[in-house]
Amino acid sequence: MHISHSSEDDNLKRLLSFSIEDLQDKCGPFDVEKNVRAKELVFERTRYTYNDALEYFNDNFLSQITSLGLSIALKEGDPDAAV
């Protein structure tokens, strides 16, 4: 999304927060600042939402969503692993 003005900042922040919440519901809790895979999926889901194509996101990123969920689930079993 090549946005060169700040008039959409509030909308983009809202879309990003919706994406974080949706992916955490599907995959489990994560820190978007520390988990690069989660951050990428948040950005991709937000891009799909911004471009009115959200209905395609889950199918197009199913393997990445599943992989993120599995990695989070495996780290929950390891008390020394950082999420």
N, C-alpha and C. Protein backbone atom coordinates (compact mmCIF):
# COMPACT_ATOMS: atom_id res chain seq x y z
N MET A 1 0.84 -1.16 0.00
CA MET A 1 0.00 0.00 0.00
C MET A 1 0.90 1.23 0.00
N HIS A 2 0.96 1.88 -1.08
CA HIS A 2 1.79 3.07 -1.22
C HIS A 2 0.96 4.30 -0.88
N ILE A 3 0.91 4.61 0.41
CA ILE A 3 0.13 5.73 0.89
C ILE A 3 1.10 6.82 1.31
N SER A 4 1.00 7.97 0.69
CA SER A 4 1.98 9.03 0.94
C SER A 4 1.39 10.19 1.74
N HIS A 5 0.26 9.99 2.35
CA HIS A 5 -0.37 11.04 3.15
C HIS A 5 -0.84 10.43 4.47
N SER A 6 -1.13 11.28 5.42
CA SER A 6 -1.50 10.78 6.75
C SER A 6 -3.00 10.76 6.99
N SER A 7 -3.80 11.09 6.01
CA SER A 7 -5.24 11.15 6.22
C SER A 7 -5.86 9.77 6.49
N GLU A 8 -5.17 8.71 6.14
CA GLU A 8 -5.70 7.36 6.35
C GLU A 8 -5.09 6.66 7.56
N ASP A 9 -4.29 7.37 8.34
CA ASP A 9 -3.61 6.74 9.47
C ASP A 9 -4.57 6.07 10.44
N ASP A 10 -5.63 6.76 10.82
CA ASP A 10 -6.57 6.17 11.79
C ASP A 10 -7.24 4.92 11.24
N ASN A 11 -7.62 4.96 9.98
CA ASN A 11 -8.23 3.79 9.35
C ASN A 11 -7.25 2.63 9.29
N LEU A 12 -6.00 2.89 8.92
CA LEU A 12 -5.00 1.83 8.85
C LEU A 12 -4.70 1.25 10.22
N LYS A 13 -4.63 2.09 11.24
CA LYS A 13 -4.41 1.58 12.61
C LYS A 13 -5.57 0.67 13.02
N ARG A 14 -6.78 1.07 12.67
CA ARG A 14 -7.96 0.26 13.00
C ARG A 14 -7.90 -1.09 12.27
N LEU A 15 -7.55 -1.06 10.99
CA LEU A 15 -7.45 -2.30 10.22
C LEU A 15 -6.34 -3.20 10.76
N LEU A 16 -5.21 -2.61 11.15
CA LEU A 16 -4.13 -3.40 11.74
C LEU A 16 -4.57 -4.06 13.04
N SER A 17 -5.29 -3.32 13.88
CA SER A 17 -5.74 -3.91 15.15
C SER A 17 -6.74 -5.04 14.90
N PHE A 18 -7.61 -4.88 13.89
CA PHE A 18 -8.54 -5.96 13.54
C PHE A 18 -7.77 -7.19 13.06
N SER A 19 -6.72 -6.98 12.29
CA SER A 19 -5.93 -8.10 11.77
C SER A 19 -5.20 -8.83 12.89
N ILE A 20 -4.64 -8.08 13.82
CA ILE A 20 -3.96 -8.70 14.96
C ILE A 20 -4.96 -9.56 15.75
N GLU A 21 -6.12 -8.99 16.04
CA GLU A 21 -7.13 -9.72 16.82
C GLU A 21 -7.58 -10.98 16.09
N ASP A 22 -7.84 -10.88 14.80
CA ASP A 22 -8.29 -12.04 14.03
C ASP A 22 -7.23 -13.14 14.02
N LEU A 23 -5.99 -12.78 13.77
CA LEU A 23 -4.92 -13.79 13.70
C LEU A 23 -4.63 -14.38 15.08
N GLN A 24 -4.75 -13.59 16.13
CA GLN A 24 -4.57 -14.15 17.47
C GLN A 24 -5.71 -15.10 17.83
N ASP A 25 -6.91 -14.81 17.37
CA ASP A 25 -8.03 -15.73 17.58
C ASP A 25 -7.78 -17.05 16.87
N LYS A 26 -7.18 -17.01 15.69
CA LYS A 26 -6.94 -18.21 14.91
C LYS A 26 -5.70 -18.97 15.37
N CYS A 27 -4.65 -18.24 15.77
CA CYS A 27 -3.35 -18.86 16.00
C CYS A 27 -2.90 -18.89 17.45
N GLY A 28 -3.44 -18.04 18.27
CA GLY A 28 -2.98 -17.91 19.64
C GLY A 28 -2.28 -16.59 19.83
N PRO A 29 -2.01 -16.24 21.09
CA PRO A 29 -1.40 -14.94 21.37
C PRO A 29 0.04 -14.85 20.85
N PHE A 30 0.38 -13.69 20.33
CA PHE A 30 1.74 -13.42 19.87
C PHE A 30 2.06 -11.95 20.04
N ASP A 31 3.34 -11.65 20.10
CA ASP A 31 3.81 -10.28 20.14
C ASP A 31 4.19 -9.90 18.72
N VAL A 32 3.43 -9.00 18.13
CA VAL A 32 3.63 -8.64 16.72
C VAL A 32 4.99 -7.99 16.51
N GLU A 33 5.57 -7.40 17.54
CA GLU A 33 6.89 -6.77 17.41
C GLU A 33 8.02 -7.81 17.38
N LYS A 34 7.80 -8.96 18.00
CA LYS A 34 8.86 -9.98 18.10
C LYS A 34 8.69 -11.12 17.12
N ASN A 35 7.49 -11.36 16.66
CA ASN A 35 7.22 -12.50 15.79
C ASN A 35 7.11 -12.01 14.34
N VAL A 36 8.15 -12.22 13.57
CA VAL A 36 8.22 -11.72 12.19
C VAL A 36 7.14 -12.36 11.33
N ARG A 37 6.91 -13.64 11.50
CA ARG A 37 5.88 -14.35 10.72
C ARG A 37 4.50 -13.76 11.00
N ALA A 38 4.21 -13.50 12.26
CA ALA A 38 2.92 -12.91 12.63
C ALA A 38 2.80 -11.50 12.06
N LYS A 39 3.87 -10.72 12.16
CA LYS A 39 3.84 -9.35 11.64
C LYS A 39 3.56 -9.34 10.15
N GLU A 40 4.20 -10.23 9.41
CA GLU A 40 3.96 -10.31 7.97
C GLU A 40 2.50 -10.65 7.67
N LEU A 41 1.94 -11.60 8.40
CA LEU A 41 0.54 -11.97 8.18
C LEU A 41 -0.41 -10.83 8.55
N VAL A 42 -0.09 -10.10 9.60
CA VAL A 42 -0.92 -8.94 9.97
C VAL A 42 -0.91 -7.92 8.83
N PHE A 43 0.26 -7.63 8.28
CA PHE A 43 0.36 -6.68 7.17
C PHE A 43 -0.39 -7.19 5.95
N GLU A 44 -0.25 -8.47 5.64
CA GLU A 44 -0.93 -9.03 4.47
C GLU A 44 -2.44 -8.99 4.63
N ARG A 45 -2.94 -9.37 5.82
CA ARG A 45 -4.38 -9.34 6.04
C ARG A 45 -4.90 -7.92 5.96
N THR A 46 -4.16 -6.98 6.49
CA THR A 46 -4.56 -5.57 6.42
C THR A 46 -4.59 -5.09 4.98
N ARG A 47 -3.62 -5.51 4.19
CA ARG A 47 -3.59 -5.14 2.77
C ARG A 47 -4.82 -5.69 2.05
N TYR A 48 -5.16 -6.93 2.31
CA TYR A 48 -6.35 -7.52 1.70
C TYR A 48 -7.61 -6.77 2.13
N THR A 49 -7.70 -6.43 3.41
CA THR A 49 -8.86 -5.70 3.91
C THR A 49 -8.94 -4.32 3.26
N TYR A 50 -7.83 -3.64 3.20
CA TYR A 50 -7.78 -2.29 2.63
C TYR A 50 -8.23 -2.30 1.16
N ASN A 51 -7.91 -3.35 0.46
CA ASN A 51 -8.25 -3.46 -0.96
C ASN A 51 -9.56 -4.23 -1.20
N ASP A 52 -10.39 -4.36 -0.16
CA ASP A 52 -11.69 -5.03 -0.27
C ASP A 52 -11.60 -6.44 -0.85
N ALA A 53 -10.61 -7.19 -0.40
CA ALA A 53 -10.42 -8.56 -0.88
C ALA A 53 -10.23 -9.53 0.28
N LEU A 54 -10.76 -9.20 1.45
CA LEU A 54 -10.54 -10.02 2.64
C LEU A 54 -11.02 -11.45 2.46
N GLU A 55 -12.04 -11.67 1.65
CA GLU A 55 -12.57 -13.03 1.46
C GLU A 55 -11.53 -13.98 0.86
N TYR A 56 -10.47 -13.46 0.29
CA TYR A 56 -9.43 -14.30 -0.33
C TYR A 56 -8.24 -14.56 0.61
N PHE A 57 -8.15 -13.81 1.68
CA PHE A 57 -6.97 -13.90 2.55
C PHE A 57 -6.77 -15.30 3.13
N ASN A 58 -7.81 -15.85 3.77
CA ASN A 58 -7.65 -17.15 4.45
C ASN A 58 -7.21 -18.25 3.49
N ASP A 59 -7.81 -18.29 2.31
CA ASP A 59 -7.42 -19.32 1.34
C ASP A 59 -6.00 -19.10 0.83
N ASN A 60 -5.65 -17.86 0.55
CA ASN A 60 -4.33 -17.57 -0.02
C ASN A 60 -3.19 -17.73 0.99
N PHE A 61 -3.49 -17.61 2.28
CA PHE A 61 -2.44 -17.69 3.30
C PHE A 61 -2.67 -18.82 4.30
N LEU A 62 -3.45 -19.82 3.90
CA LEU A 62 -3.78 -20.91 4.80
C LEU A 62 -2.54 -21.61 5.36
N SER A 63 -1.58 -21.90 4.54
CA SER A 63 -0.40 -22.62 5.04
C SER A 63 0.40 -21.76 6.01
N GLN A 64 0.51 -20.46 5.76
CA GLN A 64 1.24 -19.57 6.67
C GLN A 64 0.49 -19.40 8.00
N ILE A 65 -0.84 -19.31 7.93
CA ILE A 65 -1.64 -19.20 9.15
C ILE A 65 -1.50 -20.47 9.98
N THR A 66 -1.58 -21.60 9.34
CA THR A 66 -1.42 -22.88 10.03
C THR A 66 -0.04 -23.00 10.64
N SER A 67 0.98 -22.62 9.89
CA SER A 67 2.35 -22.68 10.39
C SER A 67 2.54 -21.78 11.60
N LEU A 68 1.98 -20.58 11.56
CA LEU A 68 2.08 -19.67 12.70
C LEU A 68 1.38 -20.27 13.91
N GLY A 69 0.19 -20.81 13.72
CA GLY A 69 -0.54 -21.42 14.82
C GLY A 69 0.22 -22.58 15.45
N LEU A 70 0.82 -23.40 14.61
CA LEU A 70 1.60 -24.53 15.12
C LEU A 70 2.84 -24.05 15.88
N SER A 71 3.52 -23.06 15.36
CA SER A 71 4.73 -22.57 16.04
C SER A 71 4.36 -21.94 17.39
N ILE A 72 3.25 -21.25 17.46
CA ILE A 72 2.81 -20.66 18.73
C ILE A 72 2.42 -21.76 19.70
N ALA A 73 1.71 -22.78 19.22
CA ALA A 73 1.30 -23.89 20.09
C ALA A 73 2.51 -24.65 20.63
N LEU A 74 3.51 -24.85 19.79
CA LEU A 74 4.71 -25.56 20.23
C LEU A 74 5.49 -24.73 21.25
N LYS A 75 5.54 -23.43 21.07
CA LYS A 75 6.25 -22.57 22.02
C LYS A 75 5.53 -22.50 23.35
N GLU A 76 4.20 -22.63 23.35
CA GLU A 76 3.45 -22.62 24.61
C GLU A 76 3.84 -23.79 25.49
N GLY A 77 4.24 -24.90 24.86
CA GLY A 77 4.67 -26.07 25.62
C GLY A 77 6.07 -25.93 26.18
N ASP A 78 6.83 -24.95 25.71
CA ASP A 78 8.21 -24.73 26.14
C ASP A 78 8.25 -23.46 26.99
N PRO A 79 8.39 -23.58 28.30
CA PRO A 79 8.37 -22.40 29.16
C PRO A 79 9.53 -21.42 28.91
N ASP A 80 10.61 -21.89 28.27
CA ASP A 80 11.75 -21.03 27.99
C ASP A 80 11.66 -20.32 26.64
N ALA A 81 10.69 -20.69 25.81
CA ALA A 81 10.55 -20.10 24.49
C ALA A 81 9.81 -18.76 24.57
N ALA A 82 10.31 -17.80 23.82
CA ALA A 82 9.64 -16.49 23.75
C ALA A 82 8.66 -16.49 22.60
N VAL A 83 7.46 -16.00 22.85
CA VAL A 83 6.43 -15.96 21.80
C VAL A 83 6.60 -14.71 20.99
